[in-house]
Each structure stands twice: as C-alpha cells, then as structure tokens.
Amino acid sequence: MERIEVFYRGHVQGVGFRYNACEQADGLVVTGWVQNLPDRRVQMVAEGSVGDLKELLRRIDFSMSGNIRDKSVAWQAATGQLAPFQIKH
C-alpha cells in the first residue's frame, strides 16, 4: 500500500473537479479525500495499491485535461487511516 498527496493547479475549482475525482475513484480500491484550497489549488490524498493509485491519477488527468495546468505528486508510505474516498469540506 502506498499514499499519494497531489496538488492540482489550473482551472480546477468551480468545475466539478472534486466530484469528478470521486467518480474516477469508483471501482478502484482506494481511500482518501479531495478538497479545495484557499489558493485555488485542489489537494488530493489517497491510499491504495500502486496500480490503483496510478490508474486514479490517469483517470483524473484524462477526464480533467482541459482544466489541469500543473500537478505535483508526492509518494509516501500508507498510514491505513483514511476513510472511503470522499470530498473533504
């Protein structure tokens, strides 16, 4: 199990990005959350197998390609303490 922390930049707020991320996580064995940040970025934290996490990133990149200008991904060891994937408010 691995953990990723991702920061997305671009036109990523007010366009259904968080809802879309939850939809893309459906069917994958991942836990975590996605939230808007005050500086207009979106932050996502997710845990799962390397394969599922890479697939989640691929799905989000494909489905939101017109909105994402840049992203940073940090891979870490999983904590096993995240709830089912959800929008964090």
PDB file of N, CA and C in Angstrom:
ATOM      1  N   MET A   1       0.836  -1.185   0.000  1.00  0.00           N
ATOM      2  CA  MET A   1       0.000   0.000   0.000  1.00  0.00           C
ATOM      3  C   MET A   1       0.880   1.247   0.000  1.00  0.00           C
ATOM      4  N   GLU A   2       0.435   2.211  -0.776  1.00  0.00           N
ATOM      5  CA  GLU A   2       1.149   3.483  -0.880  1.00  0.00           C
ATOM      6  C   GLU A   2       0.166   4.624  -0.636  1.00  0.00           C
ATOM      7  N   ARG A   3       0.725   5.808  -0.495  1.00  0.00           N
ATOM      8  CA  ARG A   3      -0.068   7.025  -0.283  1.00  0.00           C
ATOM      9  C   ARG A   3       0.453   8.073  -1.253  1.00  0.00           C
ATOM     10  N   ILE A   4      -0.470   8.827  -1.838  1.00  0.00           N
ATOM     11  CA  ILE A   4      -0.070   9.963  -2.663  1.00  0.00           C
ATOM     12  C   ILE A   4      -0.715  11.228  -2.111  1.00  0.00           C
ATOM     13  N   GLU A   5       0.023  12.311  -2.211  1.00  0.00           N
ATOM     14  CA  GLU A   5      -0.523  13.636  -1.942  1.00  0.00           C
ATOM     15  C   GLU A   5      -0.312  14.425  -3.223  1.00  0.00           C
ATOM     16  N   VAL A   6      -1.414  14.914  -3.779  1.00  0.00           N
ATOM     17  CA  VAL A   6      -1.377  15.575  -5.078  1.00  0.00           C
ATOM     18  C   VAL A   6      -1.935  16.984  -4.936  1.00  0.00           C
ATOM     19  N   PHE A   7      -1.266  17.941  -5.561  1.00  0.00           N
ATOM     20  CA  PHE A   7      -1.766  19.309  -5.653  1.00  0.00           C
ATOM     21  C   PHE A   7      -1.972  19.624  -7.126  1.00  0.00           C
ATOM     22  N   TYR A   8      -3.199  20.006  -7.474  1.00  0.00           N
ATOM     23  CA  TYR A   8      -3.543  20.368  -8.849  1.00  0.00           C
ATOM     24  C   TYR A   8      -3.670  21.878  -8.954  1.00  0.00           C
ATOM     25  N   ARG A   9      -3.148  22.426 -10.059  1.00  0.00           N
ATOM     26  CA  ARG A   9      -3.277  23.850 -10.371  1.00  0.00           C
ATOM     27  C   ARG A   9      -3.941  23.992 -11.726  1.00  0.00           C
ATOM     28  N   GLY A  10      -4.568  25.132 -11.925  1.00  0.00           N
ATOM     29  CA  GLY A  10      -5.254  25.414 -13.178  1.00  0.00           C
ATOM     30  C   GLY A  10      -6.660  25.893 -12.872  1.00  0.00           C
ATOM     31  N   HIS A  11      -7.567  25.627 -13.791  1.00  0.00           N
ATOM     32  CA  HIS A  11      -8.980  25.968 -13.581  1.00  0.00           C
ATOM     33  C   HIS A  11      -9.639  24.743 -12.957  1.00  0.00           C
ATOM     34  N   VAL A  12      -9.355  24.525 -11.661  1.00  0.00           N
ATOM     35  CA  VAL A  12      -9.752  23.284 -11.001  1.00  0.00           C
ATOM     36  C   VAL A  12     -10.801  23.472  -9.906  1.00  0.00           C
ATOM     37  N   GLN A  13     -11.214  24.698  -9.660  1.00  0.00           N
ATOM     38  CA  GLN A  13     -12.289  24.927  -8.697  1.00  0.00           C
ATOM     39  C   GLN A  13     -13.509  25.470  -9.413  1.00  0.00           C
ATOM     40  N   GLY A  14     -14.684  25.053  -8.956  1.00  0.00           N
ATOM     41  CA  GLY A  14     -15.933  25.504  -9.558  1.00  0.00           C
ATOM     42  C   GLY A  14     -16.269  24.806 -10.863  1.00  0.00           C
ATOM     43  N   VAL A  15     -15.603  23.692 -11.140  1.00  0.00           N
ATOM     44  CA  VAL A  15     -15.827  22.963 -12.401  1.00  0.00           C
ATOM     45  C   VAL A  15     -16.162  21.491 -12.152  1.00  0.00           C
ATOM     46  N   GLY A  16     -16.493  21.132 -10.909  1.00  0.00           N
ATOM     47  CA  GLY A  16     -16.817  19.749 -10.592  1.00  0.00           C
ATOM     48  C   GLY A  16     -15.612  18.844 -10.427  1.00  0.00           C
ATOM     49  N   PHE A  17     -14.451  19.427 -10.191  1.00  0.00           N
ATOM     50  CA  PHE A  17     -13.221  18.637 -10.092  1.00  0.00           C
ATOM     51  C   PHE A  17     -13.294  17.612  -8.965  1.00  0.00           C
ATOM     52  N   ARG A  18     -13.736  18.052  -7.784  1.00  0.00           N
ATOM     53  CA  ARG A  18     -13.783  17.134  -6.636  1.00  0.00           C
ATOM     54  C   ARG A  18     -14.784  16.006  -6.874  1.00  0.00           C
ATOM     55  N   TYR A  19     -15.950  16.353  -7.382  1.00  0.00           N
ATOM     56  CA  TYR A  19     -16.955  15.332  -7.697  1.00  0.00           C
ATOM     57  C   TYR A  19     -16.395  14.351  -8.725  1.00  0.00           C
ATOM     58  N   ASN A  20     -15.740  14.876  -9.739  1.00  0.00           N
ATOM     59  CA  ASN A  20     -15.151  14.025 -10.770  1.00  0.00           C
ATOM     60  C   ASN A  20     -14.094  13.093 -10.174  1.00  0.00           C
ATOM     61  N   ALA A  21     -13.274  13.608  -9.274  1.00  0.00           N
ATOM     62  CA  ALA A  21     -12.250  12.764  -8.647  1.00  0.00           C
ATOM     63  C   ALA A  21     -12.896  11.597  -7.906  1.00  0.00           C
ATOM     64  N   CYS A  22     -14.008  11.859  -7.224  1.00  0.00           N
ATOM     65  CA  CYS A  22     -14.724  10.778  -6.533  1.00  0.00           C
ATOM     66  C   CYS A  22     -15.268   9.773  -7.533  1.00  0.00           C
ATOM     67  N   GLU A  23     -15.797  10.253  -8.641  1.00  0.00           N
ATOM     68  CA  GLU A  23     -16.302   9.350  -9.681  1.00  0.00           C
ATOM     69  C   GLU A  23     -15.173   8.491 -10.252  1.00  0.00           C
ATOM     70  N   GLN A  24     -14.013   9.083 -10.460  1.00  0.00           N
ATOM     71  CA  GLN A  24     -12.880   8.347 -11.022  1.00  0.00           C
ATOM     72  C   GLN A  24     -12.351   7.309 -10.034  1.00  0.00           C
ATOM     73  N   ALA A  25     -12.505   7.566  -8.733  1.00  0.00           N
ATOM     74  CA  ALA A  25     -12.055   6.616  -7.713  1.00  0.00           C
ATOM     75  C   ALA A  25     -12.988   5.411  -7.610  1.00  0.00           C
ATOM     76  N   ASP A  26     -14.224   5.573  -8.104  1.00  0.00           N
ATOM     77  CA  ASP A  26     -15.200   4.484  -8.032  1.00  0.00           C
ATOM     78  C   ASP A  26     -14.683   3.265  -8.796  1.00  0.00           C
ATOM     79  N   GLY A  27     -14.765   2.119  -8.179  1.00  0.00           N
ATOM     80  CA  GLY A  27     -14.294   0.889  -8.815  1.00  0.00           C
ATOM     81  C   GLY A  27     -12.838   0.573  -8.527  1.00  0.00           C
ATOM     82  N   LEU A  28     -12.127   1.520  -7.933  1.00  0.00           N
ATOM     83  CA  LEU A  28     -10.740   1.286  -7.524  1.00  0.00           C
ATOM     84  C   LEU A  28     -10.708   1.062  -6.017  1.00  0.00           C
ATOM     85  N   VAL A  29      -9.734   0.319  -5.553  1.00  0.00           N
ATOM     86  CA  VAL A  29      -9.603   0.085  -4.114  1.00  0.00           C
ATOM     87  C   VAL A  29      -8.690   1.170  -3.553  1.00  0.00           C
ATOM     88  N   VAL A  30      -9.291   2.355  -3.330  1.00  0.00           N
ATOM     89  CA  VAL A  30      -8.550   3.494  -2.792  1.00  0.00           C
ATOM     90  C   VAL A  30      -9.372   4.149  -1.686  1.00  0.00           C
ATOM     91  N   THR A  31      -8.674   4.741  -0.752  1.00  0.00           N
ATOM     92  CA  THR A  31      -9.289   5.541   0.298  1.00  0.00           C
ATOM     93  C   THR A  31      -8.695   6.933   0.205  1.00  0.00           C
ATOM     94  N   GLY A  32      -9.341   7.908   0.854  1.00  0.00           N
ATOM     95  CA  GLY A  32      -8.770   9.246   0.863  1.00  0.00           C
ATOM     96  C   GLY A  32      -9.784  10.338   0.683  1.00  0.00           C
ATOM     97  N   TRP A  33      -9.294  11.492   0.256  1.00  0.00           N
ATOM     98  CA  TRP A  33     -10.155  12.658   0.120  1.00  0.00           C
ATOM     99  C   TRP A  33      -9.577  13.645  -0.887  1.00  0.00           C
ATOM    100  N   VAL A  34     -10.442  14.576  -1.283  1.00  0.00           N
ATOM    101  CA  VAL A  34     -10.067  15.653  -2.196  1.00  0.00           C
ATOM    102  C   VAL A  34     -10.726  16.925  -1.677  1.00  0.00           C
ATOM    103  N   GLN A  35     -10.002  18.050  -1.711  1.00  0.00           N
ATOM    104  CA  GLN A  35     -10.555  19.300  -1.189  1.00  0.00           C
ATOM    105  C   GLN A  35     -10.027  20.501  -1.957  1.00  0.00           C
ATOM    106  N   ASN A  36     -10.833  21.569  -1.960  1.00  0.00           N
ATOM    107  CA  ASN A  36     -10.402  22.856  -2.493  1.00  0.00           C
ATOM    108  C   ASN A  36      -9.533  23.547  -1.451  1.00  0.00           C
ATOM    109  N   LEU A  37      -8.536  24.276  -1.914  1.00  0.00           N
ATOM    110  CA  LEU A  37      -7.688  25.072  -1.040  1.00  0.00           C
ATOM    111  C   LEU A  37      -7.952  26.555  -1.284  1.00  0.00           C
ATOM    112  N   PRO A  38      -7.706  27.402  -0.288  1.00  0.00           N
ATOM    113  CA  PRO A  38      -7.957  28.837  -0.453  1.00  0.00           C
ATOM    114  C   PRO A  38      -7.165  29.481  -1.592  1.00  0.00           C
ATOM    115  N   ASP A  39      -6.022  28.905  -1.960  1.00  0.00           N
ATOM    116  CA  ASP A  39      -5.192  29.490  -3.016  1.00  0.00           C
ATOM    117  C   ASP A  39      -5.579  28.998  -4.416  1.00  0.00           C
ATOM    118  N   ARG A  40      -6.772  28.414  -4.539  1.00  0.00           N
ATOM    119  CA  ARG A  40      -7.357  27.954  -5.805  1.00  0.00           C
ATOM    120  C   ARG A  40      -6.797  26.630  -6.315  1.00  0.00           C
ATOM    121  N   ARG A  41      -5.936  25.995  -5.552  1.00  0.00           N
ATOM    122  CA  ARG A  41      -5.490  24.653  -5.912  1.00  0.00           C
ATOM    123  C   ARG A  41      -6.482  23.634  -5.362  1.00  0.00           C
ATOM    124  N   VAL A  42      -6.352  22.401  -5.825  1.00  0.00           N
ATOM    125  CA  VAL A  42      -7.087  21.274  -5.259  1.00  0.00           C
ATOM    126  C   VAL A  42      -6.055  20.297  -4.719  1.00  0.00           C
ATOM    127  N   GLN A  43      -6.297  19.812  -3.509  1.00  0.00           N
ATOM    128  CA  GLN A  43      -5.417  18.839  -2.869  1.00  0.00           C
ATOM    129  C   GLN A  43      -6.141  17.499  -2.808  1.00  0.00           C
ATOM    130  N   MET A  44      -5.413  16.437  -3.111  1.00  0.00           N
ATOM    131  CA  MET A  44      -5.961  15.090  -3.005  1.00  0.00           C
ATOM    132  C   MET A  44      -4.966  14.218  -2.252  1.00  0.00           C
ATOM    133  N   VAL A  45      -5.478  13.443  -1.314  1.00  0.00           N
ATOM    134  CA  VAL A  45      -4.685  12.448  -0.601  1.00  0.00           C
ATOM    135  C   VAL A  45      -5.394  11.119  -0.792  1.00  0.00           C
ATOM    136  N   ALA A  46      -4.660  10.113  -1.226  1.00  0.00           N
ATOM    137  CA  ALA A  46      -5.265   8.803  -1.475  1.00  0.00           C
ATOM    138  C   ALA A  46      -4.284   7.703  -1.119  1.00  0.00           C
ATOM    139  N   GLU A  47      -4.832   6.575  -0.689  1.00  0.00           N
ATOM    140  CA  GLU A  47      -4.036   5.392  -0.397  1.00  0.00           C
ATOM    141  C   GLU A  47      -4.615   4.195  -1.131  1.00  0.00           C
ATOM    142  N   GLY A  48      -3.731   3.312  -1.552  1.00  0.00           N
ATOM    143  CA  GLY A  48      -4.137   2.097  -2.244  1.00  0.00           C
ATOM    144  C   GLY A  48      -2.909   1.429  -2.832  1.00  0.00           C
ATOM    145  N   SER A  49      -3.137   0.470  -3.693  1.00  0.00           N
ATOM    146  CA  SER A  49      -2.011  -0.172  -4.372  1.00  0.00           C
ATOM    147  C   SER A  49      -1.405   0.815  -5.370  1.00  0.00           C
ATOM    148  N   VAL A  50      -0.167   0.604  -5.718  1.00  0.00           N
ATOM    149  CA  VAL A  50       0.483   1.470  -6.706  1.00  0.00           C
ATOM    150  C   VAL A  50      -0.326   1.484  -7.999  1.00  0.00           C
ATOM    151  N   GLY A  51      -0.799   0.317  -8.420  1.00  0.00           N
ATOM    152  CA  GLY A  51      -1.575   0.230  -9.656  1.00  0.00           C
ATOM    153  C   GLY A  51      -2.858   1.030  -9.603  1.00  0.00           C
ATOM    154  N   ASP A  52      -3.604   0.926  -8.491  1.00  0.00           N
ATOM    155  CA  ASP A  52      -4.854   1.678  -8.369  1.00  0.00           C
ATOM    156  C   ASP A  52      -4.597   3.178  -8.274  1.00  0.00           C
ATOM    157  N   LEU A  53      -3.551   3.573  -7.572  1.00  0.00           N
ATOM    158  CA  LEU A  53      -3.244   5.000  -7.466  1.00  0.00           C
ATOM    159  C   LEU A  53      -2.821   5.574  -8.816  1.00  0.00           C
ATOM    160  N   LYS A  54      -2.014   4.842  -9.558  1.00  0.00           N
ATOM    161  CA  LYS A  54      -1.624   5.306 -10.897  1.00  0.00           C
ATOM    162  C   LYS A  54      -2.838   5.393 -11.809  1.00  0.00           C
ATOM    163  N   GLU A  55      -3.752   4.437 -11.689  1.00  0.00           N
ATOM    164  CA  GLU A  55      -4.967   4.469 -12.501  1.00  0.00           C
ATOM    165  C   GLU A  55      -5.844   5.655 -12.113  1.00  0.00           C
ATOM    166  N   LEU A  56      -5.952   5.955 -10.831  1.00  0.00           N
ATOM    167  CA  LEU A  56      -6.716   7.122 -10.390  1.00  0.00           C
ATOM    168  C   LEU A  56      -6.125   8.395 -10.980  1.00  0.00           C
ATOM    169  N   LEU A  57      -4.811   8.543 -10.910  1.00  0.00           N
ATOM    170  CA  LEU A  57      -4.160   9.721 -11.488  1.00  0.00           C
ATOM    171  C   LEU A  57      -4.411   9.799 -12.990  1.00  0.00           C
ATOM    172  N   ARG A  58      -4.312   8.674 -13.676  1.00  0.00           N
ATOM    173  CA  ARG A  58      -4.540   8.641 -15.123  1.00  0.00           C
ATOM    174  C   ARG A  58      -5.969   9.055 -15.458  1.00  0.00           C
ATOM    175  N   ARG A  59      -6.926   8.525 -14.721  1.00  0.00           N
ATOM    176  CA  ARG A  59      -8.335   8.850 -14.971  1.00  0.00           C
ATOM    177  C   ARG A  59      -8.621  10.333 -14.761  1.00  0.00           C
ATOM    178  N   ILE A  60      -8.094  10.886 -13.679  1.00  0.00           N
ATOM    179  CA  ILE A  60      -8.316  12.309 -13.407  1.00  0.00           C
ATOM    180  C   ILE A  60      -7.630  13.154 -14.469  1.00  0.00           C
ATOM    181  N   ASP A  61      -6.397  12.816 -14.818  1.00  0.00           N
ATOM    182  CA  ASP A  61      -5.685  13.561 -15.863  1.00  0.00           C
ATOM    183  C   ASP A  61      -6.467  13.559 -17.168  1.00  0.00           C
ATOM    184  N   PHE A  62      -7.019  12.410 -17.543  1.00  0.00           N
ATOM    185  CA  PHE A  62      -7.766  12.294 -18.799  1.00  0.00           C
ATOM    186  C   PHE A  62      -9.079  13.068 -18.732  1.00  0.00           C
ATOM    187  N   SER A  63      -9.828  12.882 -17.656  1.00  0.00           N
ATOM    188  CA  SER A  63     -11.163  13.479 -17.576  1.00  0.00           C
ATOM    189  C   SER A  63     -11.131  14.987 -17.340  1.00  0.00           C
ATOM    190  N   MET A  64     -10.065  15.502 -16.754  1.00  0.00           N
ATOM    191  CA  MET A  64      -9.968  16.933 -16.451  1.00  0.00           C
ATOM    192  C   MET A  64      -8.809  17.595 -17.194  1.00  0.00           C
ATOM    193  N   SER A  65      -8.406  17.018 -18.316  1.00  0.00           N
ATOM    194  CA  SER A  65      -7.219  17.501 -19.034  1.00  0.00           C
ATOM    195  C   SER A  65      -7.328  18.966 -19.437  1.00  0.00           C
ATOM    196  N   GLY A  66      -8.511  19.442 -19.721  1.00  0.00           N
ATOM    197  CA  GLY A  66      -8.681  20.838 -20.114  1.00  0.00           C
ATOM    198  C   GLY A  66      -8.598  21.811 -18.960  1.00  0.00           C
ATOM    199  N   ASN A  67      -8.595  21.298 -17.740  1.00  0.00           N
ATOM    200  CA  ASN A  67      -8.599  22.155 -16.561  1.00  0.00           C
ATOM    201  C   ASN A  67      -7.282  22.143 -15.794  1.00  0.00           C
ATOM    202  N   ILE A  68      -6.542  21.054 -15.893  1.00  0.00           N
ATOM    203  CA  ILE A  68      -5.304  20.911 -15.128  1.00  0.00           C
ATOM    204  C   ILE A  68      -4.157  21.564 -15.893  1.00  0.00           C
ATOM    205  N   ARG A  69      -3.532  22.544 -15.250  1.00  0.00           N
ATOM    206  CA  ARG A  69      -2.352  23.181 -15.831  1.00  0.00           C
ATOM    207  C   ARG A  69      -1.074  22.532 -15.317  1.00  0.00           C
ATOM    208  N   ASP A  70      -1.115  22.111 -14.057  1.00  0.00           N
ATOM    209  CA  ASP A  70       0.073  21.546 -13.426  1.00  0.00           C
ATOM    210  C   ASP A  70      -0.365  20.695 -12.242  1.00  0.00           C
ATOM    211  N   LYS A  71       0.451  19.705 -11.902  1.00  0.00           N
ATOM    212  CA  LYS A  71       0.194  18.918 -10.696  1.00  0.00           C
ATOM    213  C   LYS A  71       1.517  18.491 -10.101  1.00  0.00           C
ATOM    214  N   SER A  72       1.525  18.324  -8.799  1.00  0.00           N
ATOM    215  CA  SER A  72       2.686  17.755  -8.115  1.00  0.00           C
ATOM    216  C   SER A  72       2.199  16.540  -7.344  1.00  0.00           C
ATOM    217  N   VAL A  73       2.955  15.468  -7.427  1.00  0.00           N
ATOM    218  CA  VAL A  73       2.588  14.211  -6.776  1.00  0.00           C
ATOM    219  C   VAL A  73       3.731  13.788  -5.866  1.00  0.00           C
ATOM    220  N   ALA A  74       3.418  13.548  -4.604  1.00  0.00           N
ATOM    221  CA  ALA A  74       4.397  13.028  -3.643  1.00  0.00           C
ATOM    222  C   ALA A  74       3.942  11.642  -3.205  1.00  0.00           C
ATOM    223  N   TRP A  75       4.822  10.665  -3.383  1.00  0.00           N
ATOM    224  CA  TRP A  75       4.540   9.284  -2.968  1.00  0.00           C
ATOM    225  C   TRP A  75       5.098   9.079  -1.568  1.00  0.00           C
ATOM    226  N   GLN A  76       4.284   8.431  -0.725  1.00  0.00           N
ATOM    227  CA  GLN A  76       4.666   8.197   0.666  1.00  0.00           C
ATOM    228  C   GLN A  76       4.195   6.809   1.084  1.00  0.00           C
ATOM    229  N   ALA A  77       4.601   6.383   2.264  1.00  0.00           N
ATOM    230  CA  ALA A  77       4.096   5.128   2.825  1.00  0.00           C
ATOM    231  C   ALA A  77       2.666   5.346   3.310  1.00  0.00           C
ATOM    232  N   ALA A  78       1.816   4.366   3.113  1.00  0.00           N
ATOM    233  CA  ALA A  78       0.421   4.458   3.540  1.00  0.00           C
ATOM    234  C   ALA A  78       0.324   4.413   5.063  1.00  0.00           C
ATOM    235  N   THR A  79      -0.695   5.090   5.591  1.00  0.00           N
ATOM    236  CA  THR A  79      -0.958   5.062   7.032  1.00  0.00           C
ATOM    237  C   THR A  79      -2.075   4.087   7.374  1.00  0.00           C
ATOM    238  N   GLY A  80      -2.939   3.787   6.406  1.00  0.00           N
ATOM    239  CA  GLY A  80      -4.072   2.909   6.653  1.00  0.00           C
ATOM    240  C   GLY A  80      -5.170   3.542   7.479  1.00  0.00           C
ATOM    241  N   GLN A  81      -5.152   4.870   7.600  1.00  0.00           N
ATOM    242  CA  GLN A  81      -6.107   5.557   8.465  1.00  0.00           C
ATOM    243  C   GLN A  81      -7.108   6.414   7.702  1.00  0.00           C
ATOM    244  N   LEU A  82      -7.197   6.262   6.387  1.00  0.00           N
ATOM    245  CA  LEU A  82      -8.119   7.081   5.608  1.00  0.00           C
ATOM    246  C   LEU A  82      -9.454   6.368   5.427  1.00  0.00           C
ATOM    247  N   ALA A  83     -10.512   7.165   5.344  1.00  0.00           N
ATOM    248  CA  ALA A  83     -11.872   6.656   5.127  1.00  0.00           C
ATOM    249  C   ALA A  83     -12.094   6.432   3.631  1.00  0.00           C
ATOM    250  N   PRO A  84     -13.225   5.816   3.259  1.00  0.00           N
ATOM    251  CA  PRO A  84     -13.543   5.695   1.831  1.00  0.00           C
ATOM    252  C   PRO A  84     -13.414   7.048   1.132  1.00  0.00           C
ATOM    253  N   PHE A  85     -13.034   7.019  -0.134  1.00  0.00           N
ATOM    254  CA  PHE A  85     -12.728   8.248  -0.873  1.00  0.00           C
ATOM    255  C   PHE A  85     -13.922   9.190  -0.863  1.00  0.00           C
ATOM    256  N   GLN A  86     -13.666  10.458  -0.525  1.00  0.00           N
ATOM    257  CA  GLN A  86     -14.745  11.430  -0.360  1.00  0.00           C
ATOM    258  C   GLN A  86     -14.255  12.854  -0.581  1.00  0.00           C
ATOM    259  N   ILE A  87     -15.212  13.750  -0.704  1.00  0.00           N
ATOM    260  CA  ILE A  87     -14.911  15.183  -0.762  1.00  0.00           C
ATOM    261  C   ILE A  87     -14.763  15.678   0.668  1.00  0.00           C
ATOM    262  N   LYS A  88     -13.684  16.380   0.916  1.00  0.00           N
ATOM    263  CA  LYS A  88     -13.435  16.963   2.238  1.00  0.00           C
ATOM    264  C   LYS A  88     -13.790  18.442   2.163  1.00  0.00           C
ATOM    265  N   HIS A  89     -14.581  18.889   3.117  1.00  0.00           N
ATOM    266  CA  HIS A  89     -15.009  20.303   3.135  1.00  0.00           C
ATOM    267  C   HIS A  89     -14.282  21.058   4.223  1.00  0.00           C
TER     268      HIS A  89
END
